PDB file of all heavy atoms in Angstrom:
ATOM      1  N   GLU A   1      20.551 -10.378 -26.919  1.00  0.00           N
ATOM      2  CA  GLU A   1      20.339  -8.911 -26.882  1.00  0.00           C
ATOM      3  C   GLU A   1      18.861  -8.631 -26.948  1.00  0.00           C
ATOM      4  O   GLU A   1      18.127  -9.266 -27.682  1.00  0.00           O
ATOM      5  CB  GLU A   1      21.117  -8.236 -28.027  1.00  0.00           C
ATOM      6  CG  GLU A   1      22.639  -8.454 -27.914  1.00  0.00           C
ATOM      7  CD  GLU A   1      23.363  -7.986 -29.128  1.00  0.00           C
ATOM      8  OE1 GLU A   1      22.665  -7.916 -30.216  1.00  0.00           O
ATOM      9  OE2 GLU A   1      24.521  -7.685 -29.078  1.00  0.00           O
ATOM     10  N   ILE A   2      18.416  -7.605 -26.195  1.00  0.00           N
ATOM     11  CA  ILE A   2      17.059  -7.148 -26.168  1.00  0.00           C
ATOM     12  C   ILE A   2      16.976  -5.709 -26.557  1.00  0.00           C
ATOM     13  O   ILE A   2      17.884  -4.899 -26.197  1.00  0.00           O
ATOM     14  CB  ILE A   2      16.442  -7.379 -24.782  1.00  0.00           C
ATOM     15  CG1 ILE A   2      16.532  -8.871 -24.485  1.00  0.00           C
ATOM     16  CG2 ILE A   2      14.994  -6.917 -24.743  1.00  0.00           C
ATOM     17  CD1 ILE A   2      16.037  -9.159 -23.062  1.00  0.00           C
ATOM     18  N   GLU A   3      16.033  -5.294 -27.359  1.00  0.00           N
ATOM     19  CA  GLU A   3      15.958  -3.912 -27.841  1.00  0.00           C
ATOM     20  C   GLU A   3      15.854  -2.914 -26.705  1.00  0.00           C
ATOM     21  O   GLU A   3      15.087  -3.105 -25.782  1.00  0.00           O
ATOM     22  CB  GLU A   3      14.724  -3.735 -28.765  1.00  0.00           C
ATOM     23  CG  GLU A   3      14.922  -4.493 -30.050  1.00  0.00           C
ATOM     24  CD  GLU A   3      13.772  -4.251 -31.047  1.00  0.00           C
ATOM     25  OE1 GLU A   3      12.873  -3.513 -30.661  1.00  0.00           O
ATOM     26  OE2 GLU A   3      13.823  -4.788 -32.124  1.00  0.00           O
ATOM     27  N   LEU A   4      16.675  -1.858 -26.749  1.00  0.00           N
ATOM     28  CA  LEU A   4      16.665  -0.861 -25.694  1.00  0.00           C
ATOM     29  C   LEU A   4      15.390  -0.155 -25.656  1.00  0.00           C
ATOM     30  O   LEU A   4      14.749  -0.098 -24.547  1.00  0.00           O
ATOM     31  CB  LEU A   4      17.812   0.132 -26.021  1.00  0.00           C
ATOM     32  CG  LEU A   4      17.852   1.400 -25.147  1.00  0.00           C
ATOM     33  CD1 LEU A   4      18.036   1.083 -23.691  1.00  0.00           C
ATOM     34  CD2 LEU A   4      18.919   2.350 -25.630  1.00  0.00           C
ATOM     35  N   PHE A   5      14.873   0.383 -26.745  1.00  0.00           N
ATOM     36  CA  PHE A   5      13.661   1.121 -26.657  1.00  0.00           C
ATOM     37  C   PHE A   5      12.487   0.222 -26.410  1.00  0.00           C
ATOM     38  O   PHE A   5      11.529   0.599 -25.759  1.00  0.00           O
ATOM     39  CB  PHE A   5      13.413   1.958 -27.916  1.00  0.00           C
ATOM     40  CG  PHE A   5      13.053   1.188 -29.178  1.00  0.00           C
ATOM     41  CD1 PHE A   5      11.728   0.983 -29.463  1.00  0.00           C
ATOM     42  CD2 PHE A   5      14.050   0.706 -29.987  1.00  0.00           C
ATOM     43  CE1 PHE A   5      11.367   0.278 -30.605  1.00  0.00           C
ATOM     44  CE2 PHE A   5      13.683   0.005 -31.138  1.00  0.00           C
ATOM     45  CZ  PHE A   5      12.336  -0.233 -31.446  1.00  0.00           C
ATOM     46  N   THR A   6      12.548  -1.044 -26.842  1.00  0.00           N
ATOM     47  CA  THR A   6      11.464  -2.022 -26.490  1.00  0.00           C
ATOM     48  C   THR A   6      11.494  -2.320 -24.997  1.00  0.00           C
ATOM     49  O   THR A   6      10.440  -2.426 -24.333  1.00  0.00           O
ATOM     50  CB  THR A   6      11.664  -3.321 -27.256  1.00  0.00           C
ATOM     51  OG1 THR A   6      11.571  -2.986 -28.653  1.00  0.00           O
ATOM     52  CG2 THR A   6      10.586  -4.303 -26.960  1.00  0.00           C
ATOM     53  N   LYS A   7      12.696  -2.400 -24.414  1.00  0.00           N
ATOM     54  CA  LYS A   7      12.805  -2.682 -23.001  1.00  0.00           C
ATOM     55  C   LYS A   7      12.244  -1.547 -22.210  1.00  0.00           C
ATOM     56  O   LYS A   7      11.482  -1.796 -21.237  1.00  0.00           O
ATOM     57  CB  LYS A   7      14.278  -2.899 -22.656  1.00  0.00           C
ATOM     58  CG  LYS A   7      14.534  -3.623 -21.297  1.00  0.00           C
ATOM     59  CD  LYS A   7      14.180  -5.026 -21.360  1.00  0.00           C
ATOM     60  CE  LYS A   7      14.654  -5.733 -20.157  1.00  0.00           C
ATOM     61  NZ  LYS A   7      14.238  -7.176 -20.150  1.00  0.00           N
ATOM     62  N   VAL A   8      12.624  -0.345 -22.534  1.00  0.00           N
ATOM     63  CA  VAL A   8      12.027   0.831 -21.876  1.00  0.00           C
ATOM     64  C   VAL A   8      10.478   0.879 -22.046  1.00  0.00           C
ATOM     65  O   VAL A   8       9.734   1.147 -21.154  1.00  0.00           O
ATOM     66  CB  VAL A   8      12.719   2.132 -22.339  1.00  0.00           C
ATOM     67  CG1 VAL A   8      12.031   3.352 -21.675  1.00  0.00           C
ATOM     68  CG2 VAL A   8      14.175   2.101 -22.051  1.00  0.00           C
ATOM     69  N   ASN A   9      10.125   0.631 -23.325  1.00  0.00           N
ATOM     70  CA  ASN A   9       8.734   0.710 -23.663  1.00  0.00           C
ATOM     71  C   ASN A   9       7.853  -0.340 -22.910  1.00  0.00           C
ATOM     72  O   ASN A   9       6.761  -0.095 -22.444  1.00  0.00           O
ATOM     73  CB  ASN A   9       8.516   0.540 -25.152  1.00  0.00           C
ATOM     74  CG  ASN A   9       7.264   1.210 -25.671  1.00  0.00           C
ATOM     75  OD1 ASN A   9       6.873   2.181 -25.155  1.00  0.00           O
ATOM     76  ND2 ASN A   9       6.703   0.633 -26.704  1.00  0.00           N
ATOM     77  N   GLU A  10       8.442  -1.579 -22.808  1.00  0.00           N
ATOM     78  CA  GLU A  10       7.714  -2.672 -22.086  1.00  0.00           C
ATOM     79  C   GLU A  10       7.610  -2.337 -20.618  1.00  0.00           C
ATOM     80  O   GLU A  10       6.597  -2.701 -20.002  1.00  0.00           O
ATOM     81  CB  GLU A  10       8.504  -3.963 -22.298  1.00  0.00           C
ATOM     82  CG  GLU A  10       8.404  -4.593 -23.636  1.00  0.00           C
ATOM     83  CD  GLU A  10       7.018  -5.052 -23.966  1.00  0.00           C
ATOM     84  OE1 GLU A  10       6.324  -5.572 -23.060  1.00  0.00           O
ATOM     85  OE2 GLU A  10       6.599  -4.899 -25.147  1.00  0.00           O
ATOM     86  N   THR A  11       8.614  -1.637 -20.022  1.00  0.00           N
ATOM     87  CA  THR A  11       8.555  -1.322 -18.645  1.00  0.00           C
ATOM     88  C   THR A  11       7.549  -0.250 -18.327  1.00  0.00           C
ATOM     89  O   THR A  11       6.825  -0.272 -17.312  1.00  0.00           O
ATOM     90  CB  THR A  11       9.934  -0.790 -18.213  1.00  0.00           C
ATOM     91  OG1 THR A  11      10.958  -1.778 -18.514  1.00  0.00           O
ATOM     92  CG2 THR A  11      10.004  -0.527 -16.684  1.00  0.00           C
ATOM     93  N   PHE A  12       7.333   0.734 -19.252  1.00  0.00           N
ATOM     94  CA  PHE A  12       6.491   1.878 -18.896  1.00  0.00           C
ATOM     95  C   PHE A  12       5.242   1.966 -19.721  1.00  0.00           C
ATOM     96  O   PHE A  12       4.476   2.927 -19.601  1.00  0.00           O
ATOM     97  CB  PHE A  12       7.301   3.170 -19.096  1.00  0.00           C
ATOM     98  CG  PHE A  12       8.419   3.335 -18.110  1.00  0.00           C
ATOM     99  CD1 PHE A  12       9.711   2.963 -18.427  1.00  0.00           C
ATOM    100  CD2 PHE A  12       8.173   3.864 -16.837  1.00  0.00           C
ATOM    101  CE1 PHE A  12      10.727   3.122 -17.523  1.00  0.00           C
ATOM    102  CE2 PHE A  12       9.208   4.017 -15.939  1.00  0.00           C
ATOM    103  CZ  PHE A  12      10.471   3.634 -16.253  1.00  0.00           C
ATOM    104  N   LYS A  13       4.988   0.987 -20.631  1.00  0.00           N
ATOM    105  CA  LYS A  13       3.838   1.151 -21.551  1.00  0.00           C
ATOM    106  C   LYS A  13       2.465   1.199 -20.861  1.00  0.00           C
ATOM    107  O   LYS A  13       1.600   1.979 -21.235  1.00  0.00           O
ATOM    108  CB  LYS A  13       3.859   0.076 -22.617  1.00  0.00           C
ATOM    109  CG  LYS A  13       3.539  -1.361 -22.100  1.00  0.00           C
ATOM    110  CD  LYS A  13       3.571  -2.356 -23.206  1.00  0.00           C
ATOM    111  CE  LYS A  13       3.218  -3.783 -22.676  1.00  0.00           C
ATOM    112  NZ  LYS A  13       3.203  -4.791 -23.755  1.00  0.00           N
ATOM    113  N   ALA A  14       2.336   0.335 -19.822  1.00  0.00           N
ATOM    114  CA  ALA A  14       1.066   0.378 -19.126  1.00  0.00           C
ATOM    115  C   ALA A  14       0.788   1.715 -18.408  1.00  0.00           C
ATOM    116  O   ALA A  14      -0.306   2.232 -18.462  1.00  0.00           O
ATOM    117  CB  ALA A  14       0.994  -0.818 -18.095  1.00  0.00           C
ATOM    118  N   VAL A  15       1.837   2.260 -17.757  1.00  0.00           N
ATOM    119  CA  VAL A  15       1.724   3.517 -17.076  1.00  0.00           C
ATOM    120  C   VAL A  15       1.435   4.638 -18.080  1.00  0.00           C
ATOM    121  O   VAL A  15       0.651   5.555 -17.837  1.00  0.00           O
ATOM    122  CB  VAL A  15       3.001   3.805 -16.257  1.00  0.00           C
ATOM    123  CG1 VAL A  15       2.983   5.209 -15.736  1.00  0.00           C
ATOM    124  CG2 VAL A  15       3.100   2.819 -15.103  1.00  0.00           C
ATOM    125  N   ALA A  16       2.142   4.567 -19.277  1.00  0.00           N
ATOM    126  CA  ALA A  16       1.946   5.626 -20.261  1.00  0.00           C
ATOM    127  C   ALA A  16       0.512   5.582 -20.793  1.00  0.00           C
ATOM    128  O   ALA A  16      -0.109   6.644 -20.930  1.00  0.00           O
ATOM    129  CB  ALA A  16       2.952   5.425 -21.450  1.00  0.00           C
ATOM    130  N   CYS A  17      -0.017   4.397 -21.031  1.00  0.00           N
ATOM    131  CA  CYS A  17      -1.407   4.308 -21.462  1.00  0.00           C
ATOM    132  C   CYS A  17      -2.357   4.841 -20.402  1.00  0.00           C
ATOM    133  O   CYS A  17      -3.286   5.595 -20.723  1.00  0.00           O
ATOM    134  CB  CYS A  17      -1.730   2.848 -21.769  1.00  0.00           C
ATOM    135  SG  CYS A  17      -3.449   2.586 -22.325  1.00  0.00           S
ATOM    136  N   THR A  18      -2.153   4.458 -19.117  1.00  0.00           N
ATOM    137  CA  THR A  18      -2.976   4.971 -18.066  1.00  0.00           C
ATOM    138  C   THR A  18      -2.881   6.476 -17.983  1.00  0.00           C
ATOM    139  O   THR A  18      -3.914   7.189 -17.771  1.00  0.00           O
ATOM    140  CB  THR A  18      -2.572   4.321 -16.730  1.00  0.00           C
ATOM    141  OG1 THR A  18      -2.642   2.900 -16.897  1.00  0.00           O
ATOM    142  CG2 THR A  18      -3.500   4.704 -15.650  1.00  0.00           C
ATOM    143  N   GLN A  19      -1.690   7.022 -18.112  1.00  0.00           N
ATOM    144  CA  GLN A  19      -1.518   8.452 -18.036  1.00  0.00           C
ATOM    145  C   GLN A  19      -2.210   9.215 -19.109  1.00  0.00           C
ATOM    146  O   GLN A  19      -2.799  10.240 -18.889  1.00  0.00           O
ATOM    147  CB  GLN A  19       0.018   8.783 -18.078  1.00  0.00           C
ATOM    148  CG  GLN A  19       0.357  10.233 -17.806  1.00  0.00           C
ATOM    149  CD  GLN A  19       0.026  10.630 -16.423  1.00  0.00           C
ATOM    150  OE1 GLN A  19       0.638  10.124 -15.462  1.00  0.00           O
ATOM    151  NE2 GLN A  19      -0.943  11.510 -16.240  1.00  0.00           N
ATOM    152  N   PHE A  20      -2.225   8.676 -20.377  1.00  0.00           N
ATOM    153  CA  PHE A  20      -2.935   9.276 -21.435  1.00  0.00           C
ATOM    154  C   PHE A  20      -4.455   9.356 -21.131  1.00  0.00           C
ATOM    155  O   PHE A  20      -5.068  10.378 -21.300  1.00  0.00           O
ATOM    156  CB  PHE A  20      -2.699   8.492 -22.737  1.00  0.00           C
ATOM    157  CG  PHE A  20      -1.652   9.009 -23.619  1.00  0.00           C
ATOM    158  CD1 PHE A  20      -0.342   8.535 -23.462  1.00  0.00           C
ATOM    159  CD2 PHE A  20      -1.839  10.013 -24.529  1.00  0.00           C
ATOM    160  CE1 PHE A  20       0.694   9.019 -24.245  1.00  0.00           C
ATOM    161  CE2 PHE A  20      -0.815  10.511 -25.291  1.00  0.00           C
ATOM    162  CZ  PHE A  20       0.440  10.059 -25.159  1.00  0.00           C
ATOM    163  N   LEU A  21      -5.021   8.223 -20.691  1.00  0.00           N
ATOM    164  CA  LEU A  21      -6.449   8.160 -20.371  1.00  0.00           C
ATOM    165  C   LEU A  21      -6.755   9.168 -19.224  1.00  0.00           C
ATOM    166  O   LEU A  21      -7.793   9.861 -19.249  1.00  0.00           O
ATOM    167  CB  LEU A  21      -6.843   6.747 -20.044  1.00  0.00           C
ATOM    168  CG  LEU A  21      -6.708   5.752 -21.181  1.00  0.00           C
ATOM    169  CD1 LEU A  21      -7.040   4.333 -20.666  1.00  0.00           C
ATOM    170  CD2 LEU A  21      -7.668   6.097 -22.349  1.00  0.00           C
ATOM    171  N   VAL A  22      -5.952   9.091 -18.155  1.00  0.00           N
ATOM    172  CA  VAL A  22      -6.241   9.933 -16.994  1.00  0.00           C
ATOM    173  C   VAL A  22      -6.112  11.447 -17.340  1.00  0.00           C
ATOM    174  O   VAL A  22      -6.972  12.219 -16.929  1.00  0.00           O
ATOM    175  CB  VAL A  22      -5.250   9.588 -15.818  1.00  0.00           C
ATOM    176  CG1 VAL A  22      -5.252  10.644 -14.771  1.00  0.00           C
ATOM    177  CG2 VAL A  22      -5.649   8.238 -15.272  1.00  0.00           C
ATOM    178  N   SER A  23      -5.069  11.807 -18.107  1.00  0.00           N
ATOM    179  CA  SER A  23      -4.877  13.168 -18.480  1.00  0.00           C
ATOM    180  C   SER A  23      -6.053  13.736 -19.307  1.00  0.00           C
ATOM    181  O   SER A  23      -6.535  14.849 -19.106  1.00  0.00           O
ATOM    182  CB  SER A  23      -3.557  13.388 -19.259  1.00  0.00           C
ATOM    183  OG  SER A  23      -2.435  13.085 -18.445  1.00  0.00           O
ATOM    184  N   THR A  24      -6.505  12.913 -20.262  1.00  0.00           N
ATOM    185  CA  THR A  24      -7.648  13.280 -21.083  1.00  0.00           C
ATOM    186  C   THR A  24      -8.890  13.536 -20.187  1.00  0.00           C
ATOM    187  O   THR A  24      -9.598  14.537 -20.323  1.00  0.00           O
ATOM    188  CB  THR A  24      -8.010  12.186 -22.099  1.00  0.00           C
ATOM    189  OG1 THR A  24      -6.840  11.954 -22.920  1.00  0.00           O
ATOM    190  CG2 THR A  24      -9.146  12.607 -22.974  1.00  0.00           C
ATOM    191  N   SER A  25      -9.109  12.626 -19.234  1.00  0.00           N
ATOM    192  CA  SER A  25     -10.286  12.714 -18.375  1.00  0.00           C
ATOM    193  C   SER A  25     -10.185  13.954 -17.389  1.00  0.00           C
ATOM    194  O   SER A  25     -11.178  14.656 -17.281  1.00  0.00           O
ATOM    195  CB  SER A  25     -10.496  11.478 -17.529  1.00  0.00           C
ATOM    196  OG  SER A  25     -10.576  10.329 -18.358  1.00  0.00           O
ATOM    197  N   VAL A  26      -9.006  14.132 -16.852  1.00  0.00           N
ATOM    198  CA  VAL A  26      -8.835  15.235 -15.883  1.00  0.00           C
ATOM    199  C   VAL A  26      -8.992  16.594 -16.569  1.00  0.00           C
ATOM    200  O   VAL A  26      -9.665  17.517 -16.019  1.00  0.00           O
ATOM    201  CB  VAL A  26      -7.469  15.107 -15.201  1.00  0.00           C
ATOM    202  CG1 VAL A  26      -7.116  16.464 -14.425  1.00  0.00           C
ATOM    203  CG2 VAL A  26      -7.420  13.978 -14.230  1.00  0.00           C
ATOM    204  N   VAL A  27      -8.409  16.752 -17.767  1.00  0.00           N
ATOM    205  CA  VAL A  27      -8.563  18.048 -18.454  1.00  0.00           C
ATOM    206  C   VAL A  27     -10.043  18.255 -18.800  1.00  0.00           C
ATOM    207  O   VAL A  27     -10.532  19.386 -18.707  1.00  0.00           O
ATOM    208  CB  VAL A  27      -7.683  18.008 -19.749  1.00  0.00           C
ATOM    209  CG1 VAL A  27      -8.008  19.232 -20.643  1.00  0.00           C
ATOM    210  CG2 VAL A  27      -6.213  18.006 -19.365  1.00  0.00           C
ATOM    211  N   CYS A  28     -10.741  17.187 -19.185  1.00  0.00           N
ATOM    212  CA  CYS A  28     -12.148  17.322 -19.482  1.00  0.00           C
ATOM    213  C   CYS A  28     -12.945  17.781 -18.266  1.00  0.00           C
ATOM    214  O   CYS A  28     -13.740  18.703 -18.331  1.00  0.00           O
ATOM    215  CB  CYS A  28     -12.649  15.977 -19.995  1.00  0.00           C
ATOM    216  SG  CYS A  28     -14.434  15.865 -20.072  1.00  0.00           S
ATOM    217  N   PHE A  29     -12.751  17.096 -17.103  1.00  0.00           N
ATOM    218  CA  PHE A  29     -13.467  17.476 -15.909  1.00  0.00           C
ATOM    219  C   PHE A  29     -13.126  18.815 -15.397  1.00  0.00           C
ATOM    220  O   PHE A  29     -13.961  19.592 -14.849  1.00  0.00           O
ATOM    221  CB  PHE A  29     -13.284  16.452 -14.857  1.00  0.00           C
ATOM    222  CG  PHE A  29     -13.939  15.102 -15.106  1.00  0.00           C
ATOM    223  CD1 PHE A  29     -13.229  13.926 -15.204  1.00  0.00           C
ATOM    224  CD2 PHE A  29     -15.297  15.068 -15.333  1.00  0.00           C
ATOM    225  CE1 PHE A  29     -13.848  12.727 -15.495  1.00  0.00           C
ATOM    226  CE2 PHE A  29     -15.929  13.868 -15.609  1.00  0.00           C
ATOM    227  CZ  PHE A  29     -15.238  12.710 -15.695  1.00  0.00           C
ATOM    228  N   ASN A  30     -11.826  19.257 -15.538  1.00  0.00           N
ATOM    229  CA  ASN A  30     -11.443  20.587 -15.113  1.00  0.00           C
ATOM    230  C   ASN A  30     -12.067  21.683 -15.982  1.00  0.00           C
ATOM    231  O   ASN A  30     -12.476  22.682 -15.503  1.00  0.00           O
ATOM    232  CB  ASN A  30      -9.908  20.727 -15.200  1.00  0.00           C
ATOM    233  CG  ASN A  30      -9.269  20.141 -13.981  1.00  0.00           C
ATOM    234  OD1 ASN A  30      -9.881  19.745 -13.016  1.00  0.00           O
ATOM    235  ND2 ASN A  30      -7.932  20.000 -14.047  1.00  0.00           N
ATOM    236  N   LEU A  31     -12.138  21.395 -17.289  1.00  0.00           N
ATOM    237  CA  LEU A  31     -12.871  22.322 -18.166  1.00  0.00           C
ATOM    238  C   LEU A  31     -14.317  22.506 -17.744  1.00  0.00           C
ATOM    239  O   LEU A  31     -14.851  23.618 -17.731  1.00  0.00           O
ATOM    240  CB  LEU A  31     -12.756  21.856 -19.591  1.00  0.00           C
ATOM    241  CG  LEU A  31     -11.543  22.238 -20.462  1.00  0.00           C
ATOM    242  CD1 LEU A  31     -11.596  21.546 -21.764  1.00  0.00           C
ATOM    243  CD2 LEU A  31     -11.433  23.713 -20.607  1.00  0.00           C
ATOM    244  N   TYR A  32     -14.950  21.349 -17.432  1.00  0.00           N
ATOM    245  CA  TYR A  32     -16.329  21.401 -17.020  1.00  0.00           C
ATOM    246  C   TYR A  32     -16.503  22.208 -15.770  1.00  0.00           C
ATOM    247  O   TYR A  32     -17.440  23.042 -15.597  1.00  0.00           O
ATOM    248  CB  TYR A  32     -16.832  20.004 -16.802  1.00  0.00           C
ATOM    249  CG  TYR A  32     -18.262  19.915 -16.296  1.00  0.00           C
ATOM    250  CD1 TYR A  32     -19.342  20.020 -17.152  1.00  0.00           C
ATOM    251  CD2 TYR A  32     -18.512  19.719 -14.920  1.00  0.00           C
ATOM    252  CE1 TYR A  32     -20.667  19.984 -16.703  1.00  0.00           C
ATOM    253  CE2 TYR A  32     -19.786  19.670 -14.491  1.00  0.00           C
ATOM    254  CZ  TYR A  32     -20.868  19.834 -15.353  1.00  0.00           C
ATOM    255  OH  TYR A  32     -22.206  19.801 -14.898  1.00  0.00           O
ATOM    256  N   GLN A  33     -15.631  21.986 -14.748  1.00  0.00           N
ATOM    257  CA  GLN A  33     -15.704  22.705 -13.502  1.00  0.00           C
ATOM    258  C   GLN A  33     -15.511  24.239 -13.712  1.00  0.00           C
ATOM    259  O   GLN A  33     -16.219  25.017 -13.083  1.00  0.00           O
ATOM    260  CB  GLN A  33     -14.681  22.183 -12.528  1.00  0.00           C
ATOM    261  CG  GLN A  33     -15.023  20.844 -11.907  1.00  0.00           C
ATOM    262  CD  GLN A  33     -14.095  20.449 -10.800  1.00  0.00           C
ATOM    263  OE1 GLN A  33     -12.947  20.536 -10.934  1.00  0.00           O
ATOM    264  NE2 GLN A  33     -14.667  20.044  -9.701  1.00  0.00           N
ATOM    265  N   MET A  34     -14.543  24.573 -14.544  1.00  0.00           N
ATOM    266  CA  MET A  34     -14.218  26.040 -14.688  1.00  0.00           C
ATOM    267  C   MET A  34     -15.322  26.783 -15.443  1.00  0.00           C
ATOM    268  O   MET A  34     -15.470  27.996 -15.240  1.00  0.00           O
ATOM    269  CB  MET A  34     -12.887  26.186 -15.405  1.00  0.00           C
ATOM    270  CG  MET A  34     -11.697  25.800 -14.505  1.00  0.00           C
ATOM    271  SD  MET A  34     -10.115  26.240 -15.268  1.00  0.00           S
ATOM    272  CE  MET A  34      -9.997  24.980 -16.546  1.00  0.00           C
ATOM    273  N   THR A  35     -16.043  26.057 -16.302  1.00  0.00           N
ATOM    274  CA  THR A  35     -17.025  26.786 -17.162  1.00  0.00           C
ATOM    275  C   THR A  35     -18.442  26.685 -16.704  1.00  0.00           C
ATOM    276  O   THR A  35     -19.269  27.489 -17.018  1.00  0.00           O
ATOM    277  CB  THR A  35     -16.949  26.239 -18.603  1.00  0.00           C
ATOM    278  OG1 THR A  35     -17.154  24.820 -18.610  1.00  0.00           O
ATOM    279  CG2 THR A  35     -15.608  26.563 -19.201  1.00  0.00           C
ATOM    280  N   GLN A  36     -18.745  25.577 -15.913  1.00  0.00           N
ATOM    281  CA  GLN A  36     -20.095  25.375 -15.517  1.00  0.00           C
ATOM    282  C   GLN A  36     -20.432  25.700 -14.074  1.00  0.00           C
ATOM    283  O   GLN A  36     -21.535  25.748 -13.653  1.00  0.00           O
ATOM    284  CB  GLN A  36     -20.446  23.859 -15.701  1.00  0.00           C
ATOM    285  CG  GLN A  36     -20.337  23.397 -17.184  1.00  0.00           C
ATOM    286  CD  GLN A  36     -21.283  24.111 -18.092  1.00  0.00           C
ATOM    287  OE1 GLN A  36     -22.470  24.197 -17.772  1.00  0.00           O
ATOM    288  NE2 GLN A  36     -20.836  24.572 -19.180  1.00  0.00           N
ATOM    289  N   ARG A  37     -19.350  25.931 -13.258  1.00  0.00           N
ATOM    290  CA  ARG A  37     -19.624  26.195 -11.856  1.00  0.00           C
ATOM    291  C   ARG A  37     -18.812  27.361 -11.325  1.00  0.00           C
ATOM    292  O   ARG A  37     -17.737  27.740 -11.892  1.00  0.00           O
ATOM    293  CB  ARG A  37     -19.178  24.902 -11.019  1.00  0.00           C
ATOM    294  CG  ARG A  37     -19.863  23.625 -11.497  1.00  0.00           C
ATOM    295  CD  ARG A  37     -19.389  22.425 -10.734  1.00  0.00           C
ATOM    296  NE  ARG A  37     -19.550  22.578  -9.349  1.00  0.00           N
ATOM    297  CZ  ARG A  37     -18.938  21.852  -8.427  1.00  0.00           C
ATOM    298  NH1 ARG A  37     -18.104  20.954  -8.756  1.00  0.00           N
ATOM    299  NH2 ARG A  37     -19.161  22.087  -7.140  1.00  0.00           N
ATOM    300  N   ASP A  38     -19.262  27.906 -10.255  1.00  0.00           N
ATOM    301  CA  ASP A  38     -18.565  28.993  -9.569  1.00  0.00           C
ATOM    302  C   ASP A  38     -17.665  28.370  -8.533  1.00  0.00           C
ATOM    303  O   ASP A  38     -18.037  27.929  -7.461  1.00  0.00           O
ATOM    304  CB  ASP A  38     -19.627  29.954  -8.882  1.00  0.00           C
ATOM    305  CG  ASP A  38     -18.890  31.101  -8.186  1.00  0.00           C
ATOM    306  OD1 ASP A  38     -17.749  31.328  -8.498  1.00  0.00           O
ATOM    307  OD2 ASP A  38     -19.546  31.761  -7.397  1.00  0.00           O
TER     308      ASP A  38
END
């Protein structure tokens, strides 16, 4: 038997980590664009 949540977590953990980093960066750059540029 293999843990259900571990199995799901192992399948998607790399994508989840990448998504966290990308979302942080995108929100940061969007804030910069909206406040610093026309």
